[in-house]
């Protein structure tokens, strides 16, 4: 992993420190499958075309984050705050996302199917 922001657990899972504010970082095109980022604040961060399969974003905050083309299959956004984010072409099959994000239209251009759970 090229970023000093990430730590690796003994089982190989990447994670970010709890209560870490991440601003203006570009993680485009990285493989961050099963990333654990609980209670992390993301501001103007790019995850374009990033693989985030099975990532855990419990109680994370996302402001102006770009997930365009990201693979978010099976990701968990439990109690996450999603504001002004781009999800163009993001794959959310099997993901658990806040129902309000659907109501706000934030997921209008994302790939969802019956396996996408709204919590």
PDB file of N, CA and C in Angstrom:
ATOM      1  N   UNK A   1       0.858  -1.164   0.000  1.00  0.00           N
ATOM      2  CA  UNK A   1       0.000   0.000   0.000  1.00  0.00           C
ATOM      3  C   UNK A   1       0.904   1.225   0.000  1.00  0.00           C
ATOM      4  N   UNK A   2       0.664   2.134  -0.910  1.00  0.00           N
ATOM      5  CA  UNK A   2       1.563   3.275  -1.072  1.00  0.00           C
ATOM      6  C   UNK A   2       1.266   4.443  -0.138  1.00  0.00           C
ATOM      7  N   UNK A   3       0.107   4.464   0.490  1.00  0.00           N
ATOM      8  CA  UNK A   3      -0.260   5.607   1.317  1.00  0.00           C
ATOM      9  C   UNK A   3       0.060   5.356   2.785  1.00  0.00           C
ATOM     10  N   UNK A   4       0.695   6.326   3.458  1.00  0.00           N
ATOM     11  CA  UNK A   4       0.968   6.161   4.885  1.00  0.00           C
ATOM     12  C   UNK A   4      -0.301   6.253   5.735  1.00  0.00           C
ATOM     13  N   UNK A   5      -1.448   6.596   5.115  1.00  0.00           N
ATOM     14  CA  UNK A   5      -2.706   6.693   5.843  1.00  0.00           C
ATOM     15  C   UNK A   5      -3.254   5.323   6.225  1.00  0.00           C
ATOM     16  N   UNK A   6      -2.867   4.295   5.473  1.00  0.00           N
ATOM     17  CA  UNK A   6      -3.405   2.958   5.681  1.00  0.00           C
ATOM     18  C   UNK A   6      -2.498   2.123   6.565  1.00  0.00           C
ATOM     19  N   UNK A   7      -3.124   1.246   7.312  1.00  0.00           N
ATOM     20  CA  UNK A   7      -2.415   0.246   8.100  1.00  0.00           C
ATOM     21  C   UNK A   7      -2.913  -1.110   7.617  1.00  0.00           C
ATOM     22  N   UNK A   8      -2.135  -2.144   7.816  1.00  0.00           N
ATOM     23  CA  UNK A   8      -2.531  -3.479   7.395  1.00  0.00           C
ATOM     24  C   UNK A   8      -2.656  -4.373   8.627  1.00  0.00           C
ATOM     25  N   UNK A   9      -3.814  -5.003   8.778  1.00  0.00           N
ATOM     26  CA  UNK A   9      -4.027  -5.946   9.867  1.00  0.00           C
ATOM     27  C   UNK A   9      -3.280  -7.245   9.564  1.00  0.00           C
ATOM     28  N   UNK A  10      -3.025  -8.083  10.565  1.00  0.00           N
ATOM     29  CA  UNK A  10      -2.309  -9.340  10.330  1.00  0.00           C
ATOM     30  C   UNK A  10      -2.928 -10.224   9.247  1.00  0.00           C
ATOM     31  N   UNK A  11      -4.259 -10.139   9.070  1.00  0.00           N
ATOM     32  CA  UNK A  11      -4.901 -10.950   8.029  1.00  0.00           C
ATOM     33  C   UNK A  11      -4.832 -10.302   6.650  1.00  0.00           C
ATOM     34  N   UNK A  12      -4.155  -9.147   6.543  1.00  0.00           N
ATOM     35  CA  UNK A  12      -3.990  -8.466   5.265  1.00  0.00           C
ATOM     36  C   UNK A  12      -5.032  -7.409   4.969  1.00  0.00           C
ATOM     37  N   UNK A  13      -5.984  -7.200   5.859  1.00  0.00           N
ATOM     38  CA  UNK A  13      -7.044  -6.216   5.657  1.00  0.00           C
ATOM     39  C   UNK A  13      -6.517  -4.801   5.862  1.00  0.00           C
ATOM     40  N   UNK A  14      -6.719  -3.904   4.876  1.00  0.00           N
ATOM     41  CA  UNK A  14      -6.302  -2.510   5.067  1.00  0.00           C
ATOM     42  C   UNK A  14      -7.305  -1.775   5.958  1.00  0.00           C
ATOM     43  N   UNK A  15      -6.813  -0.881   6.799  1.00  0.00           N
ATOM     44  CA  UNK A  15      -7.730  -0.084   7.606  1.00  0.00           C
ATOM     45  C   UNK A  15      -7.169   1.310   7.822  1.00  0.00           C
ATOM     46  N   UNK A  16      -8.065   2.224   8.168  1.00  0.00           N
ATOM     47  CA  UNK A  16      -7.718   3.600   8.503  1.00  0.00           C
ATOM     48  C   UNK A  16      -7.978   3.803   9.980  1.00  0.00           C
ATOM     49  N   UNK A  17      -7.195   4.660  10.613  1.00  0.00           N
ATOM     50  CA  UNK A  17      -7.388   4.957  12.031  1.00  0.00           C
ATOM     51  C   UNK A  17      -8.790   5.520  12.277  1.00  0.00           C
ATOM     52  N   UNK A  18      -9.383   5.144  13.397  1.00  0.00           N
ATOM     53  CA  UNK A  18     -10.694   5.654  13.794  1.00  0.00           C
ATOM     54  C   UNK A  18     -10.602   7.164  14.014  1.00  0.00           C
ATOM     55  N   UNK A  19     -11.665   7.873  13.650  1.00  0.00           N
ATOM     56  CA  UNK A  19     -11.756   9.336  13.803  1.00  0.00           C
ATOM     57  C   UNK A  19     -10.699  10.098  13.011  1.00  0.00           C
ATOM     58  N   UNK A  20     -10.285   9.552  11.896  1.00  0.00           N
ATOM     59  CA  UNK A  20      -9.291  10.206  11.054  1.00  0.00           C
ATOM     60  C   UNK A  20      -9.990  11.055   9.995  1.00  0.00           C
ATOM     61  N   UNK A  21      -9.676  12.352   9.895  1.00  0.00           N
ATOM     62  CA  UNK A  21     -10.202  13.136   8.773  1.00  0.00           C
ATOM     63  C   UNK A  21      -9.271  12.974   7.562  1.00  0.00           C
ATOM     64  N   UNK A  22      -9.834  12.591   6.429  1.00  0.00           N
ATOM     65  CA  UNK A  22      -9.064  12.415   5.196  1.00  0.00           C
ATOM     66  C   UNK A  22      -9.538  13.491   4.229  1.00  0.00           C
ATOM     67  N   UNK A  23      -8.650  14.368   3.798  1.00  0.00           N
ATOM     68  CA  UNK A  23      -9.020  15.483   2.916  1.00  0.00           C
ATOM     69  C   UNK A  23      -8.172  15.495   1.649  1.00  0.00           C
ATOM     70  N   UNK A  24      -8.854  15.623   0.512  1.00  0.00           N
ATOM     71  CA  UNK A  24      -8.183  15.852  -0.756  1.00  0.00           C
ATOM     72  C   UNK A  24      -7.283  14.736  -1.250  1.00  0.00           C
ATOM     73  N   UNK A  25      -7.394  13.543  -0.718  1.00  0.00           N
ATOM     74  CA  UNK A  25      -6.546  12.427  -1.150  1.00  0.00           C
ATOM     75  C   UNK A  25      -7.106  11.790  -2.418  1.00  0.00           C
ATOM     76  N   UNK A  26      -6.230  11.208  -3.222  1.00  0.00           N
ATOM     77  CA  UNK A  26      -6.637  10.522  -4.442  1.00  0.00           C
ATOM     78  C   UNK A  26      -6.265   9.047  -4.328  1.00  0.00           C
ATOM     79  N   UNK A  27      -7.285   8.205  -4.153  1.00  0.00           N
ATOM     80  CA  UNK A  27      -7.083   6.764  -4.058  1.00  0.00           C
ATOM     81  C   UNK A  27      -7.592   6.072  -5.319  1.00  0.00           C
ATOM     82  N   UNK A  28      -7.704   6.807  -6.412  1.00  0.00           N
ATOM     83  CA  UNK A  28      -8.225   6.262  -7.659  1.00  0.00           C
ATOM     84  C   UNK A  28      -7.426   5.035  -8.092  1.00  0.00           C
ATOM     85  N   UNK A  29      -8.160   4.063  -8.630  1.00  0.00           N
ATOM     86  CA  UNK A  29      -7.592   2.849  -9.227  1.00  0.00           C
ATOM     87  C   UNK A  29      -6.890   1.914  -8.250  1.00  0.00           C
ATOM     88  N   UNK A  30      -7.000   2.146  -6.942  1.00  0.00           N
ATOM     89  CA  UNK A  30      -6.374   1.248  -5.967  1.00  0.00           C
ATOM     90  C   UNK A  30      -7.291   0.069  -5.648  1.00  0.00           C
ATOM     91  N   UNK A  31      -6.710  -1.025  -5.209  1.00  0.00           N
ATOM     92  CA  UNK A  31      -7.471  -2.159  -4.708  1.00  0.00           C
ATOM     93  C   UNK A  31      -7.493  -2.048  -3.194  1.00  0.00           C
ATOM     94  N   UNK A  32      -8.635  -1.666  -2.654  1.00  0.00           N
ATOM     95  CA  UNK A  32      -8.812  -1.516  -1.210  1.00  0.00           C
ATOM     96  C   UNK A  32      -9.938  -2.425  -0.723  1.00  0.00           C
ATOM     97  N   UNK A  33     -10.031  -3.618  -1.317  1.00  0.00           N
ATOM     98  CA  UNK A  33     -11.066  -4.561  -0.922  1.00  0.00           C
ATOM     99  C   UNK A  33     -11.016  -4.801   0.579  1.00  0.00           C
ATOM    100  N   UNK A  34     -12.208  -4.844   1.183  1.00  0.00           N
ATOM    101  CA  UNK A  34     -12.394  -5.097   2.615  1.00  0.00           C
ATOM    102  C   UNK A  34     -11.766  -4.026   3.509  1.00  0.00           C
ATOM    103  N   UNK A  35     -11.579  -2.834   2.977  1.00  0.00           N
ATOM    104  CA  UNK A  35     -11.073  -1.709   3.767  1.00  0.00           C
ATOM    105  C   UNK A  35     -11.974  -1.485   4.977  1.00  0.00           C
ATOM    106  N   UNK A  36     -11.373  -1.289   6.133  1.00  0.00           N
ATOM    107  CA  UNK A  36     -12.114  -0.968   7.349  1.00  0.00           C
ATOM    108  C   UNK A  36     -11.863   0.502   7.653  1.00  0.00           C
ATOM    109  N   UNK A  37     -12.913   1.304   7.609  1.00  0.00           N
ATOM    110  CA  UNK A  37     -12.775   2.742   7.868  1.00  0.00           C
ATOM    111  C   UNK A  37     -13.986   3.217   8.666  1.00  0.00           C
ATOM    112  N   UNK A  38     -14.042   2.797   9.907  1.00  0.00           N
ATOM    113  CA  UNK A  38     -15.152   3.112  10.798  1.00  0.00           C
ATOM    114  C   UNK A  38     -14.910   4.465  11.454  1.00  0.00           C
ATOM    115  N   UNK A  39     -15.927   5.326  11.458  1.00  0.00           N
ATOM    116  CA  UNK A  39     -15.865   6.674  12.037  1.00  0.00           C
ATOM    117  C   UNK A  39     -14.782   7.535  11.392  1.00  0.00           C
ATOM    118  N   UNK A  40     -14.606   7.399  10.103  1.00  0.00           N
ATOM    119  CA  UNK A  40     -13.625   8.196   9.365  1.00  0.00           C
ATOM    120  C   UNK A  40     -14.376   9.264   8.580  1.00  0.00           C
ATOM    121  N   UNK A  41     -13.808  10.460   8.494  1.00  0.00           N
ATOM    122  CA  UNK A  41     -14.395  11.553   7.722  1.00  0.00           C
ATOM    123  C   UNK A  41     -13.621  11.714   6.420  1.00  0.00           C
ATOM    124  N   UNK A  42     -14.331  11.599   5.292  1.00  0.00           N
ATOM    125  CA  UNK A  42     -13.735  11.762   3.968  1.00  0.00           C
ATOM    126  C   UNK A  42     -14.261  13.057   3.358  1.00  0.00           C
ATOM    127  N   UNK A  43     -13.372  13.973   3.008  1.00  0.00           N
ATOM    128  CA  UNK A  43     -13.752  15.251   2.406  1.00  0.00           C
ATOM    129  C   UNK A  43     -12.985  15.428   1.097  1.00  0.00           C
ATOM    130  N   UNK A  44     -13.710  15.585  -0.010  1.00  0.00           N
ATOM    131  CA  UNK A  44     -13.121  15.796  -1.335  1.00  0.00           C
ATOM    132  C   UNK A  44     -12.054  14.743  -1.641  1.00  0.00           C
ATOM    133  N   UNK A  45     -12.420  13.483  -1.429  1.00  0.00           N
ATOM    134  CA  UNK A  45     -11.532  12.347  -1.677  1.00  0.00           C
ATOM    135  C   UNK A  45     -11.973  11.652  -2.959  1.00  0.00           C
ATOM    136  N   UNK A  46     -11.013  11.148  -3.730  1.00  0.00           N
ATOM    137  CA  UNK A  46     -11.317  10.423  -4.957  1.00  0.00           C
ATOM    138  C   UNK A  46     -11.091   8.932  -4.760  1.00  0.00           C
ATOM    139  N   UNK A  47     -12.151   8.156  -5.023  1.00  0.00           N
ATOM    140  CA  UNK A  47     -12.083   6.699  -5.054  1.00  0.00           C
ATOM    141  C   UNK A  47     -12.480   6.224  -6.456  1.00  0.00           C
ATOM    142  N   UNK A  48     -12.224   7.036  -7.482  1.00  0.00           N
ATOM    143  CA  UNK A  48     -12.618   6.688  -8.849  1.00  0.00           C
ATOM    144  C   UNK A  48     -11.987   5.359  -9.268  1.00  0.00           C
ATOM    145  N   UNK A  49     -12.842   4.491  -9.826  1.00  0.00           N
ATOM    146  CA  UNK A  49     -12.406   3.194 -10.346  1.00  0.00           C
ATOM    147  C   UNK A  49     -11.645   2.366  -9.315  1.00  0.00           C
ATOM    148  N   UNK A  50     -11.914   2.601  -8.068  1.00  0.00           N
ATOM    149  CA  UNK A  50     -11.258   1.899  -6.965  1.00  0.00           C
ATOM    150  C   UNK A  50     -12.046   0.629  -6.646  1.00  0.00           C
ATOM    151  N   UNK A  51     -11.350  -0.434  -6.274  1.00  0.00           N
ATOM    152  CA  UNK A  51     -12.025  -1.647  -5.830  1.00  0.00           C
ATOM    153  C   UNK A  51     -12.155  -1.597  -4.316  1.00  0.00           C
ATOM    154  N   UNK A  52     -13.397  -1.513  -3.852  1.00  0.00           N
ATOM    155  CA  UNK A  52     -13.708  -1.427  -2.422  1.00  0.00           C
ATOM    156  C   UNK A  52     -14.706  -2.519  -2.036  1.00  0.00           C
ATOM    157  N   UNK A  53     -14.569  -3.683  -2.652  1.00  0.00           N
ATOM    158  CA  UNK A  53     -15.501  -4.785  -2.385  1.00  0.00           C
ATOM    159  C   UNK A  53     -15.442  -5.172  -0.915  1.00  0.00           C
ATOM    160  N   UNK A  54     -16.620  -5.238  -0.287  1.00  0.00           N
ATOM    161  CA  UNK A  54     -16.706  -5.654   1.104  1.00  0.00           C
ATOM    162  C   UNK A  54     -16.171  -4.649   2.109  1.00  0.00           C
ATOM    163  N   UNK A  55     -15.963  -3.404   1.695  1.00  0.00           N
ATOM    164  CA  UNK A  55     -15.444  -2.373   2.609  1.00  0.00           C
ATOM    165  C   UNK A  55     -16.460  -2.063   3.704  1.00  0.00           C
ATOM    166  N   UNK A  56     -15.965  -1.669   4.864  1.00  0.00           N
ATOM    167  CA  UNK A  56     -16.814  -1.317   6.004  1.00  0.00           C
ATOM    168  C   UNK A  56     -16.664   0.175   6.278  1.00  0.00           C
ATOM    169  N   UNK A  57     -17.712   0.932   5.954  1.00  0.00           N
ATOM    170  CA  UNK A  57     -17.726   2.380   6.163  1.00  0.00           C
ATOM    171  C   UNK A  57     -18.723   2.750   7.266  1.00  0.00           C
ATOM    172  N   UNK A  58     -18.803   1.959   8.322  1.00  0.00           N
ATOM    173  CA  UNK A  58     -19.753   2.210   9.402  1.00  0.00           C
ATOM    174  C   UNK A  58     -19.520   3.577  10.038  1.00  0.00           C
ATOM    175  N   UNK A  59     -20.587   4.366  10.102  1.00  0.00           N
ATOM    176  CA  UNK A  59     -20.583   5.703  10.696  1.00  0.00           C
ATOM    177  C   UNK A  59     -19.523   6.635  10.104  1.00  0.00           C
ATOM    178  N   UNK A  60     -19.172   6.408   8.853  1.00  0.00           N
ATOM    179  CA  UNK A  60     -18.235   7.303   8.164  1.00  0.00           C
ATOM    180  C   UNK A  60     -19.000   8.493   7.588  1.00  0.00           C
ATOM    181  N   UNK A  61     -18.285   9.571   7.347  1.00  0.00           N
ATOM    182  CA  UNK A  61     -18.848  10.768   6.732  1.00  0.00           C
ATOM    183  C   UNK A  61     -18.183  10.968   5.375  1.00  0.00           C
ATOM    184  N   UNK A  62     -19.000  11.214   4.352  1.00  0.00           N
ATOM    185  CA  UNK A  62     -18.501  11.442   3.001  1.00  0.00           C
ATOM    186  C   UNK A  62     -19.042  12.770   2.498  1.00  0.00           C
ATOM    187  N   UNK A  63     -18.173  13.728   2.228  1.00  0.00           N
ATOM    188  CA  UNK A  63     -18.572  15.014   1.664  1.00  0.00           C
ATOM    189  C   UNK A  63     -17.782  15.245   0.386  1.00  0.00           C
ATOM    190  N   UNK A  64     -18.507  15.390  -0.722  1.00  0.00           N
ATOM    191  CA  UNK A  64     -17.904  15.631  -2.031  1.00  0.00           C
ATOM    192  C   UNK A  64     -16.867  14.566  -2.374  1.00  0.00           C
ATOM    193  N   UNK A  65     -17.226  13.309  -2.144  1.00  0.00           N
ATOM    194  CA  UNK A  65     -16.355  12.179  -2.459  1.00  0.00           C
ATOM    195  C   UNK A  65     -16.768  11.613  -3.812  1.00  0.00           C
ATOM    196  N   UNK A  66     -15.786  11.261  -4.634  1.00  0.00           N
ATOM    197  CA  UNK A  66     -16.051  10.736  -5.968  1.00  0.00           C
ATOM    198  C   UNK A  66     -15.826   9.223  -5.984  1.00  0.00           C
ATOM    199  N   UNK A  67     -16.934   8.473  -6.116  1.00  0.00           N
ATOM    200  CA  UNK A  67     -16.888   7.018  -6.221  1.00  0.00           C
ATOM    201  C   UNK A  67     -17.169   6.576  -7.657  1.00  0.00           C
ATOM    202  N   UNK A  68     -17.028   7.445  -8.641  1.00  0.00           N
ATOM    203  CA  UNK A  68     -17.363   7.115 -10.025  1.00  0.00           C
ATOM    204  C   UNK A  68     -16.621   5.857 -10.473  1.00  0.00           C
ATOM    205  N   UNK A  69     -17.383   4.883 -10.957  1.00  0.00           N
ATOM    206  CA  UNK A  69     -16.793   3.651 -11.468  1.00  0.00           C
ATOM    207  C   UNK A  69     -16.237   2.715 -10.410  1.00  0.00           C
ATOM    208  N   UNK A  70     -16.429   3.027  -9.138  1.00  0.00           N
ATOM    209  CA  UNK A  70     -15.870   2.192  -8.064  1.00  0.00           C
ATOM    210  C   UNK A  70     -16.654   0.888  -7.912  1.00  0.00           C
ATOM    211  N   UNK A  71     -15.947  -0.169  -7.534  1.00  0.00           N
ATOM    212  CA  UNK A  71     -16.569  -1.458  -7.252  1.00  0.00           C
ATOM    213  C   UNK A  71     -16.842  -1.519  -5.754  1.00  0.00           C
ATOM    214  N   UNK A  72     -18.092  -1.288  -5.377  1.00  0.00           N
ATOM    215  CA  UNK A  72     -18.511  -1.255  -3.975  1.00  0.00           C
ATOM    216  C   UNK A  72     -19.395  -2.450  -3.627  1.00  0.00           C
ATOM    217  N   UNK A  73     -19.273  -3.528  -4.393  1.00  0.00           N
ATOM    218  CA  UNK A  73     -20.109  -4.702  -4.130  1.00  0.00           C
ATOM    219  C   UNK A  73     -19.869  -5.213  -2.713  1.00  0.00           C
ATOM    220  N   UNK A  74     -20.961  -5.380  -1.980  1.00  0.00           N
ATOM    221  CA  UNK A  74     -20.884  -5.904  -0.626  1.00  0.00           C
ATOM    222  C   UNK A  74     -20.401  -4.918   0.421  1.00  0.00           C
ATOM    223  N   UNK A  75     -20.204  -3.663   0.056  1.00  0.00           N
ATOM    224  CA  UNK A  75     -19.733  -2.653   1.023  1.00  0.00           C
ATOM    225  C   UNK A  75     -20.837  -2.324   2.026  1.00  0.00           C
ATOM    226  N   UNK A  76     -20.436  -1.952   3.222  1.00  0.00           N
ATOM    227  CA  UNK A  76     -21.368  -1.608   4.285  1.00  0.00           C
ATOM    228  C   UNK A  76     -21.242  -0.125   4.608  1.00  0.00           C
ATOM    229  N   UNK A  77     -22.341   0.605   4.435  1.00  0.00           N
ATOM    230  CA  UNK A  77     -22.396   2.032   4.750  1.00  0.00           C
ATOM    231  C   UNK A  77     -23.361   2.247   5.915  1.00  0.00           C
ATOM    232  N   UNK A  78     -23.273   1.437   6.956  1.00  0.00           N
ATOM    233  CA  UNK A  78     -24.203   1.526   8.078  1.00  0.00           C
ATOM    234  C   UNK A  78     -24.044   2.869   8.792  1.00  0.00           C
ATOM    235  N   UNK A  79     -25.151   3.589   8.939  1.00  0.00           N
ATOM    236  CA  UNK A  79     -25.184   4.898   9.613  1.00  0.00           C
ATOM    237  C   UNK A  79     -24.180   5.883   9.024  1.00  0.00           C
ATOM    238  N   UNK A  80     -23.867   5.725   7.748  1.00  0.00           N
ATOM    239  CA  UNK A  80     -22.932   6.643   7.082  1.00  0.00           C
ATOM    240  C   UNK A  80     -23.662   7.904   6.634  1.00  0.00           C
ATOM    241  N   UNK A  81     -22.939   9.001   6.589  1.00  0.00           N
ATOM    242  CA  UNK A  81     -23.465  10.286   6.141  1.00  0.00           C
ATOM    243  C   UNK A  81     -22.878  10.555   4.761  1.00  0.00           C
ATOM    244  N   UNK A  82     -23.722  10.564   3.735  1.00  0.00           N
ATOM    245  CA  UNK A  82     -23.269  10.736   2.357  1.00  0.00           C
ATOM    246  C   UNK A  82     -23.832  12.045   1.824  1.00  0.00           C
ATOM    247  N   UNK A  83     -22.952  13.029   1.562  1.00  0.00           N
ATOM    248  CA  UNK A  83     -23.392  14.341   1.091  1.00  0.00           C
ATOM    249  C   UNK A  83     -22.631  14.753  -0.162  1.00  0.00           C
ATOM    250  N   UNK A  84     -23.366  15.127  -1.194  1.00  0.00           N
ATOM    251  CA  UNK A  84     -22.795  15.671  -2.432  1.00  0.00           C
ATOM    252  C   UNK A  84     -21.704  14.774  -3.000  1.00  0.00           C
ATOM    253  N   UNK A  85     -21.960  13.463  -3.033  1.00  0.00           N
ATOM    254  CA  UNK A  85     -20.984  12.512  -3.562  1.00  0.00           C
ATOM    255  C   UNK A  85     -21.370  12.085  -4.974  1.00  0.00           C
ATOM    256  N   UNK A  86     -20.369  11.715  -5.769  1.00  0.00           N
ATOM    257  CA  UNK A  86     -20.596  11.224  -7.122  1.00  0.00           C
ATOM    258  C   UNK A  86     -20.445   9.704  -7.118  1.00  0.00           C
ATOM    259  N   UNK A  87     -21.479   9.027  -7.629  1.00  0.00           N
ATOM    260  CA  UNK A  87     -21.486   7.571  -7.690  1.00  0.00           C
ATOM    261  C   UNK A  87     -21.746   7.092  -9.112  1.00  0.00           C
ATOM    262  N   UNK A  88     -21.385   7.899 -10.111  1.00  0.00           N
ATOM    263  CA  UNK A  88     -21.635   7.565 -11.506  1.00  0.00           C
ATOM    264  C   UNK A  88     -20.991   6.226 -11.857  1.00  0.00           C
ATOM    265  N   UNK A  89     -21.819   5.256 -12.206  1.00  0.00           N
ATOM    266  CA  UNK A  89     -21.313   3.953 -12.616  1.00  0.00           C
ATOM    267  C   UNK A  89     -20.758   3.097 -11.492  1.00  0.00           C
ATOM    268  N   UNK A  90     -20.901   3.528 -10.248  1.00  0.00           N
ATOM    269  CA  UNK A  90     -20.422   2.716  -9.119  1.00  0.00           C
ATOM    270  C   UNK A  90     -21.277   1.456  -9.009  1.00  0.00           C
ATOM    271  N   UNK A  91     -20.650   0.342  -8.677  1.00  0.00           N
ATOM    272  CA  UNK A  91     -21.346  -0.935  -8.556  1.00  0.00           C
ATOM    273  C   UNK A  91     -21.687  -1.183  -7.090  1.00  0.00           C
ATOM    274  N   UNK A  92     -22.972  -1.073  -6.749  1.00  0.00           N
ATOM    275  CA  UNK A  92     -23.437  -1.234  -5.375  1.00  0.00           C
ATOM    276  C   UNK A  92     -24.211  -2.535  -5.171  1.00  0.00           C
ATOM    277  N   UNK A  93     -24.030  -3.496  -6.058  1.00  0.00           N
ATOM    278  CA  UNK A  93     -24.733  -4.769  -5.887  1.00  0.00           C
ATOM    279  C   UNK A  93     -24.280  -5.432  -4.585  1.00  0.00           C
ATOM    280  N   UNK A  94     -25.245  -5.829  -3.779  1.00  0.00           N
ATOM    281  CA  UNK A  94     -24.947  -6.490  -2.514  1.00  0.00           C
ATOM    282  C   UNK A  94     -24.498  -5.559  -1.406  1.00  0.00           C
ATOM    283  N   UNK A  95     -24.400  -4.268  -1.693  1.00  0.00           N
ATOM    284  CA  UNK A  95     -23.976  -3.288  -0.681  1.00  0.00           C
ATOM    285  C   UNK A  95     -25.148  -2.927   0.225  1.00  0.00           C
ATOM    286  N   UNK A  96     -24.840  -2.424   1.408  1.00  0.00           N
ATOM    287  CA  UNK A  96     -25.847  -1.910   2.341  1.00  0.00           C
ATOM    288  C   UNK A  96     -25.637  -0.413   2.450  1.00  0.00           C
ATOM    289  N   UNK A  97     -26.619   0.351   1.959  1.00  0.00           N
ATOM    290  CA  UNK A  97     -26.479   1.807   1.899  1.00  0.00           C
ATOM    291  C   UNK A  97     -27.662   2.485   2.593  1.00  0.00           C
ATOM    292  N   UNK A  98     -27.469   3.719   3.087  1.00  0.00           N
ATOM    293  CA  UNK A  98     -28.563   4.430   3.756  1.00  0.00           C
ATOM    294  C   UNK A  98     -29.728   4.691   2.799  1.00  0.00           C
ATOM    295  N   UNK A  99     -30.936   4.420   3.256  1.00  0.00           N
ATOM    296  CA  UNK A  99     -32.129   4.641   2.442  1.00  0.00           C
ATOM    297  C   UNK A  99     -32.245   6.096   2.011  1.00  0.00           C
ATOM    298  N   UNK A 100     -31.861   7.042   2.877  1.00  0.00           N
ATOM    299  CA  UNK A 100     -31.997   8.451   2.519  1.00  0.00           C
ATOM    300  C   UNK A 100     -31.160   8.799   1.290  1.00  0.00           C
ATOM    301  N   UNK A 101     -30.051   8.086   1.059  1.00  0.00           N
ATOM    302  CA  UNK A 101     -29.225   8.358  -0.122  1.00  0.00           C
ATOM    303  C   UNK A 101     -30.007   8.055  -1.393  1.00  0.00           C
ATOM    304  N   UNK A 102     -30.823   7.016  -1.363  1.00  0.00           N
ATOM    305  CA  UNK A 102     -31.674   6.688  -2.503  1.00  0.00           C
ATOM    306  C   UNK A 102     -32.731   7.766  -2.686  1.00  0.00           C
ATOM    307  N   UNK A 103     -33.334   8.203  -1.594  1.00  0.00           N
ATOM    308  CA  UNK A 103     -34.377   9.225  -1.661  1.00  0.00           C
ATOM    309  C   UNK A 103     -33.842  10.556  -2.172  1.00  0.00           C
ATOM    310  N   UNK A 104     -32.590  10.877  -1.857  1.00  0.00           N
ATOM    311  CA  UNK A 104     -31.990  12.131  -2.317  1.00  0.00           C
ATOM    312  C   UNK A 104     -31.534  12.067  -3.768  1.00  0.00           C
ATOM    313  N   UNK A 105     -31.582  10.888  -4.359  1.00  0.00           N
ATOM    314  CA  UNK A 105     -31.140  10.742  -5.734  1.00  0.00           C
ATOM    315  C   UNK A 105     -29.645  10.545  -5.880  1.00  0.00           C
ATOM    316  N   UNK A 106     -28.937  10.357  -4.780  1.00  0.00           N
ATOM    317  CA  UNK A 106     -27.483  10.196  -4.840  1.00  0.00           C
ATOM    318  C   UNK A 106     -27.079   8.921  -5.566  1.00  0.00           C
ATOM    319  N   UNK A 107     -27.993   7.959  -5.639  1.00  0.00           N
ATOM    320  CA  UNK A 107     -27.674   6.680  -6.265  1.00  0.00           C
ATOM    321  C   UNK A 107     -28.256   6.549  -7.665  1.00  0.00           C
ATOM    322  N   UNK A 108     -28.772   7.634  -8.216  1.00  0.00           N
ATOM    323  CA  UNK A 108     -29.473   7.583  -9.499  1.00  0.00           C
ATOM    324  C   UNK A 108     -28.627   6.992 -10.618  1.00  0.00           C
ATOM    325  N   UNK A 109     -27.343   7.230 -10.633  1.00  0.00           N
ATOM    326  CA  UNK A 109     -26.498   6.740 -11.715  1.00  0.00           C
ATOM    327  C   UNK A 109     -25.609   5.576 -11.281  1.00  0.00           C
ATOM    328  N   UNK A 110     -25.879   5.020 -10.101  1.00  0.00           N
ATOM    329  CA  UNK A 110     -25.110   3.873  -9.613  1.00  0.00           C
ATOM    330  C   UNK A 110     -25.790   2.578 -10.045  1.00  0.00           C
ATOM    331  N   UNK A 111     -25.023   1.509 -10.059  1.00  0.00           N
ATOM    332  CA  UNK A 111     -25.572   0.204 -10.421  1.00  0.00           C
ATOM    333  C   UNK A 111     -26.084  -0.481  -9.157  1.00  0.00           C
ATOM    334  N   UNK A 112     -27.401  -0.615  -9.065  1.00  0.00           N
ATOM    335  CA  UNK A 112     -28.023  -1.305  -7.937  1.00  0.00           C
ATOM    336  C   UNK A 112     -28.897  -2.421  -8.495  1.00  0.00           C
ATOM    337  N   UNK A 113     -29.186  -3.410  -7.682  1.00  0.00           N
ATOM    338  CA  UNK A 113     -30.070  -4.497  -8.082  1.00  0.00           C
ATOM    339  C   UNK A 113     -30.761  -5.025  -6.827  1.00  0.00           C
ATOM    340  N   UNK A 114     -31.551  -6.097  -6.923  1.00  0.00           N
ATOM    341  CA  UNK A 114     -32.263  -6.583  -5.733  1.00  0.00           C
ATOM    342  C   UNK A 114     -31.358  -6.987  -4.565  1.00  0.00           C
ATOM    343  N   UNK A 115     -30.066  -7.199  -4.800  1.00  0.00           N
ATOM    344  CA  UNK A 115     -29.170  -7.561  -3.696  1.00  0.00           C
ATOM    345  C   UNK A 115     -28.677  -6.341  -2.926  1.00  0.00           C
ATOM    346  N   UNK A 116     -28.922  -5.134  -3.456  1.00  0.00           N
ATOM    347  CA  UNK A 116     -28.550  -3.906  -2.745  1.00  0.00           C
ATOM    348  C   UNK A 116     -29.535  -3.719  -1.597  1.00  0.00           C
ATOM    349  N   UNK A 117     -29.010  -3.527  -0.397  1.00  0.00           N
ATOM    350  CA  UNK A 117     -29.861  -3.377   0.788  1.00  0.00           C
ATOM    351  C   UNK A 117     -29.907  -1.919   1.209  1.00  0.00           C
ATOM    352  N   UNK A 118     -31.097  -1.428   1.520  1.00  0.00           N
ATOM    353  CA  UNK A 118     -31.250  -0.053   1.984  1.00  0.00           C
ATOM    354  C   UNK A 118     -31.559  -0.083   3.469  1.00  0.00           C
ATOM    355  N   UNK A 119     -30.698   0.536   4.254  1.00  0.00           N
ATOM    356  CA  UNK A 119     -30.796   0.475   5.717  1.00  0.00           C
ATOM    357  C   UNK A 119     -31.047   1.844   6.305  1.00  0.00           C
TER     358      UNK A 119
END
